[in-house]
Amino acid sequence: MAWIRTFAENEATGRLAEIYEAARKRAGRVYNILKIQSQNPAALQEMLDLYVATVRGESPQTRAQREMLAVVVSRANHCHY
């Protein structure tokens, strides 16, 4: 099993602390899928930007359809996120 060092919320500083705070405001907590990328806040921010563009940006599919696609892909990948 792989092990990756993550930064807990009380360890976060600078940009990572800002990202964590935004996550708490948005979702009520900081999910592990964000913490797993905590060693590189710039890459984490880019991933979040890509997610927002993919799920909330302009698209021929509705937001619901895109969310359903994400669920299907996660299920196919055996990912509980």
N, C-alpha and C. Protein backbone atom coordinates (compact mmCIF):
# COMPACT_ATOMS: atom_id res chain seq x y z
N MET A 1 0.84 -1.17 0.00
CA MET A 1 0.00 0.00 0.00
C MET A 1 0.89 1.24 0.00
N ALA A 2 0.56 2.19 -0.85
CA ALA A 2 1.32 3.43 -0.92
C ALA A 2 0.99 4.33 0.26
N TRP A 3 1.94 5.14 0.65
CA TRP A 3 1.72 6.09 1.73
C TRP A 3 2.28 7.44 1.29
N ILE A 4 1.49 8.45 1.37
CA ILE A 4 1.88 9.80 0.98
C ILE A 4 1.66 10.71 2.17
N ARG A 5 2.69 11.48 2.51
CA ARG A 5 2.57 12.44 3.61
C ARG A 5 1.61 13.54 3.21
N THR A 6 0.66 13.81 4.05
CA THR A 6 -0.28 14.90 3.82
C THR A 6 -0.15 15.91 4.95
N PHE A 7 -0.63 17.12 4.69
CA PHE A 7 -0.62 18.15 5.71
C PHE A 7 -2.02 18.27 6.31
N ALA A 8 -2.08 18.11 7.61
CA ALA A 8 -3.35 18.27 8.33
C ALA A 8 -3.76 19.73 8.28
N GLU A 9 -5.01 19.98 8.59
CA GLU A 9 -5.52 21.35 8.55
C GLU A 9 -4.75 22.28 9.49
N ASN A 10 -4.36 21.78 10.64
CA ASN A 10 -3.65 22.63 11.60
C ASN A 10 -2.18 22.83 11.22
N GLU A 11 -1.69 22.12 10.22
CA GLU A 11 -0.32 22.29 9.74
C GLU A 11 -0.24 23.19 8.51
N ALA A 12 -1.37 23.44 7.88
CA ALA A 12 -1.39 24.19 6.62
C ALA A 12 -1.04 25.65 6.85
N THR A 13 -0.20 26.16 5.96
CA THR A 13 0.16 27.58 5.99
C THR A 13 0.05 28.14 4.58
N GLY A 14 0.07 29.45 4.47
CA GLY A 14 0.11 30.10 3.16
C GLY A 14 -1.04 29.70 2.25
N ARG A 15 -0.69 29.41 1.01
CA ARG A 15 -1.70 29.08 -0.01
C ARG A 15 -2.49 27.83 0.38
N LEU A 16 -1.83 26.84 0.96
CA LEU A 16 -2.54 25.63 1.35
C LEU A 16 -3.60 25.94 2.41
N ALA A 17 -3.29 26.77 3.36
CA ALA A 17 -4.27 27.16 4.37
C ALA A 17 -5.46 27.86 3.73
N GLU A 18 -5.20 28.68 2.72
CA GLU A 18 -6.29 29.36 2.01
C GLU A 18 -7.17 28.36 1.27
N ILE A 19 -6.56 27.39 0.62
CA ILE A 19 -7.31 26.36 -0.10
C ILE A 19 -8.16 25.54 0.88
N TYR A 20 -7.57 25.16 2.00
CA TYR A 20 -8.30 24.40 3.01
C TYR A 20 -9.48 25.21 3.55
N GLU A 21 -9.26 26.48 3.81
CA GLU A 21 -10.34 27.33 4.33
C GLU A 21 -11.48 27.43 3.32
N ALA A 22 -11.15 27.59 2.05
CA ALA A 22 -12.18 27.64 1.00
C ALA A 22 -12.94 26.31 0.94
N ALA A 23 -12.23 25.20 1.13
CA ALA A 23 -12.89 23.89 1.13
C ALA A 23 -13.86 23.77 2.29
N ARG A 24 -13.44 24.24 3.47
CA ARG A 24 -14.33 24.19 4.64
C ARG A 24 -15.58 25.03 4.41
N LYS A 25 -15.41 26.19 3.80
CA LYS A 25 -16.56 27.05 3.52
C LYS A 25 -17.48 26.40 2.49
N ARG A 26 -16.90 25.74 1.51
CA ARG A 26 -17.68 25.15 0.42
C ARG A 26 -18.36 23.84 0.85
N ALA A 27 -17.62 22.99 1.56
CA ALA A 27 -18.12 21.64 1.83
C ALA A 27 -18.27 21.32 3.31
N GLY A 28 -17.86 22.24 4.17
CA GLY A 28 -17.98 21.98 5.59
C GLY A 28 -16.80 21.22 6.18
N ARG A 29 -15.88 20.79 5.33
CA ARG A 29 -14.70 20.05 5.78
C ARG A 29 -13.69 19.99 4.65
N VAL A 30 -12.49 19.51 4.96
CA VAL A 30 -11.46 19.31 3.94
C VAL A 30 -11.36 17.80 3.69
N TYR A 31 -11.77 17.39 2.53
CA TYR A 31 -11.76 15.97 2.19
C TYR A 31 -10.35 15.47 1.88
N ASN A 32 -10.14 14.18 2.10
CA ASN A 32 -8.82 13.58 1.86
C ASN A 32 -8.35 13.72 0.42
N ILE A 33 -9.27 13.80 -0.54
CA ILE A 33 -8.87 13.95 -1.92
C ILE A 33 -8.10 15.27 -2.13
N LEU A 34 -8.36 16.25 -1.29
CA LEU A 34 -7.57 17.49 -1.32
C LEU A 34 -6.28 17.32 -0.52
N LYS A 35 -6.38 16.71 0.63
CA LYS A 35 -5.19 16.56 1.49
C LYS A 35 -4.10 15.73 0.81
N ILE A 36 -4.49 14.78 -0.04
CA ILE A 36 -3.49 13.93 -0.68
C ILE A 36 -2.58 14.74 -1.59
N GLN A 37 -3.04 15.93 -1.99
CA GLN A 37 -2.23 16.79 -2.85
C GLN A 37 -1.63 17.98 -2.08
N SER A 38 -1.65 17.90 -0.77
CA SER A 38 -1.27 19.05 0.05
C SER A 38 0.22 19.40 -0.01
N GLN A 39 1.05 18.51 -0.49
CA GLN A 39 2.47 18.83 -0.59
C GLN A 39 2.76 19.83 -1.70
N ASN A 40 1.82 19.99 -2.62
CA ASN A 40 2.02 20.91 -3.74
C ASN A 40 0.77 21.76 -3.92
N PRO A 41 0.64 22.84 -3.15
CA PRO A 41 -0.56 23.67 -3.23
C PRO A 41 -0.84 24.23 -4.63
N ALA A 42 0.20 24.54 -5.39
CA ALA A 42 -0.02 25.07 -6.75
C ALA A 42 -0.70 24.02 -7.62
N ALA A 43 -0.24 22.77 -7.55
CA ALA A 43 -0.87 21.70 -8.32
C ALA A 43 -2.29 21.43 -7.81
N LEU A 44 -2.48 21.50 -6.51
CA LEU A 44 -3.80 21.32 -5.93
C LEU A 44 -4.75 22.38 -6.47
N GLN A 45 -4.31 23.63 -6.51
CA GLN A 45 -5.15 24.70 -7.04
C GLN A 45 -5.48 24.47 -8.51
N GLU A 46 -4.51 24.01 -9.29
CA GLU A 46 -4.76 23.72 -10.71
C GLU A 46 -5.80 22.60 -10.87
N MET A 47 -5.72 21.58 -10.00
CA MET A 47 -6.71 20.50 -10.04
C MET A 47 -8.09 21.03 -9.72
N LEU A 48 -8.18 21.90 -8.73
CA LEU A 48 -9.48 22.48 -8.37
C LEU A 48 -10.03 23.34 -9.51
N ASP A 49 -9.15 24.10 -10.15
CA ASP A 49 -9.57 24.92 -11.28
C ASP A 49 -10.08 24.05 -12.43
N LEU A 50 -9.38 22.94 -12.70
CA LEU A 50 -9.83 22.02 -13.75
C LEU A 50 -11.19 21.42 -13.40
N TYR A 51 -11.36 21.04 -12.14
CA TYR A 51 -12.64 20.48 -11.70
C TYR A 51 -13.78 21.48 -11.91
N VAL A 52 -13.56 22.71 -11.50
CA VAL A 52 -14.60 23.74 -11.64
C VAL A 52 -14.93 23.97 -13.11
N ALA A 53 -13.89 24.04 -13.96
CA ALA A 53 -14.13 24.24 -15.40
C ALA A 53 -14.87 23.06 -16.00
N THR A 54 -14.55 21.86 -15.55
CA THR A 54 -15.16 20.65 -16.11
C THR A 54 -16.60 20.48 -15.64
N VAL A 55 -16.85 20.69 -14.38
CA VAL A 55 -18.17 20.42 -13.82
C VAL A 55 -19.10 21.62 -13.89
N ARG A 56 -18.55 22.82 -13.77
CA ARG A 56 -19.41 24.00 -13.71
C ARG A 56 -19.31 24.92 -14.92
N GLY A 57 -18.33 24.69 -15.78
CA GLY A 57 -18.14 25.56 -16.94
C GLY A 57 -19.15 25.28 -18.04
N GLU A 58 -19.04 26.04 -19.13
CA GLU A 58 -19.95 25.84 -20.26
C GLU A 58 -19.74 24.45 -20.85
N SER A 59 -20.84 23.83 -21.23
CA SER A 59 -20.78 22.48 -21.78
C SER A 59 -22.11 22.14 -22.43
N PRO A 60 -22.10 21.26 -23.45
CA PRO A 60 -23.37 20.80 -24.01
C PRO A 60 -24.14 19.90 -23.03
N GLN A 61 -23.42 19.34 -22.03
CA GLN A 61 -24.09 18.51 -21.02
C GLN A 61 -24.52 19.40 -19.85
N THR A 62 -25.60 18.99 -19.21
CA THR A 62 -26.04 19.70 -18.01
C THR A 62 -25.08 19.38 -16.86
N ARG A 63 -25.16 20.16 -15.82
CA ARG A 63 -24.33 19.88 -14.65
C ARG A 63 -24.67 18.51 -14.08
N ALA A 64 -25.94 18.18 -14.05
CA ALA A 64 -26.36 16.87 -13.54
C ALA A 64 -25.76 15.74 -14.36
N GLN A 65 -25.75 15.90 -15.67
CA GLN A 65 -25.16 14.87 -16.53
C GLN A 65 -23.67 14.71 -16.25
N ARG A 66 -22.98 15.84 -16.08
CA ARG A 66 -21.54 15.77 -15.80
C ARG A 66 -21.27 15.14 -14.45
N GLU A 67 -22.10 15.44 -13.46
CA GLU A 67 -21.95 14.82 -12.15
C GLU A 67 -22.18 13.31 -12.24
N MET A 68 -23.18 12.91 -13.04
CA MET A 68 -23.45 11.48 -13.22
C MET A 68 -22.27 10.79 -13.89
N LEU A 69 -21.67 11.43 -14.87
CA LEU A 69 -20.49 10.86 -15.52
C LEU A 69 -19.36 10.68 -14.52
N ALA A 70 -19.18 11.66 -13.65
CA ALA A 70 -18.13 11.56 -12.63
C ALA A 70 -18.39 10.37 -11.70
N VAL A 71 -19.65 10.16 -11.34
CA VAL A 71 -20.00 9.03 -10.47
C VAL A 71 -19.71 7.71 -11.18
N VAL A 72 -20.07 7.61 -12.45
CA VAL A 72 -19.85 6.37 -13.21
C VAL A 72 -18.35 6.08 -13.33
N VAL A 73 -17.57 7.10 -13.63
CA VAL A 73 -16.12 6.91 -13.75
C VAL A 73 -15.52 6.51 -12.41
N SER A 74 -15.94 7.17 -11.34
CA SER A 74 -15.43 6.81 -10.02
C SER A 74 -15.79 5.37 -9.67
N ARG A 75 -16.99 4.97 -9.98
CA ARG A 75 -17.42 3.59 -9.70
C ARG A 75 -16.60 2.60 -10.52
N ALA A 76 -16.40 2.91 -11.79
CA ALA A 76 -15.62 2.01 -12.66
C ALA A 76 -14.18 1.89 -12.15
N ASN A 77 -13.68 2.96 -11.53
CA ASN A 77 -12.32 2.96 -10.99
C ASN A 77 -12.26 2.47 -9.54
N HIS A 78 -13.39 2.02 -9.01
CA HIS A 78 -13.49 1.56 -7.62
C HIS A 78 -13.04 2.64 -6.64
N CYS A 79 -13.41 3.88 -6.94
CA CYS A 79 -13.07 5.02 -6.11
C CYS A 79 -14.32 5.50 -5.37
N HIS A 80 -14.26 5.57 -4.04
CA HIS A 80 -15.44 5.97 -3.29
C HIS A 80 -15.68 7.47 -3.32
N TYR A 81 -14.80 8.25 -3.94
CA TYR A 81 -15.05 9.68 -4.07
C TYR A 81 -16.03 9.93 -5.19
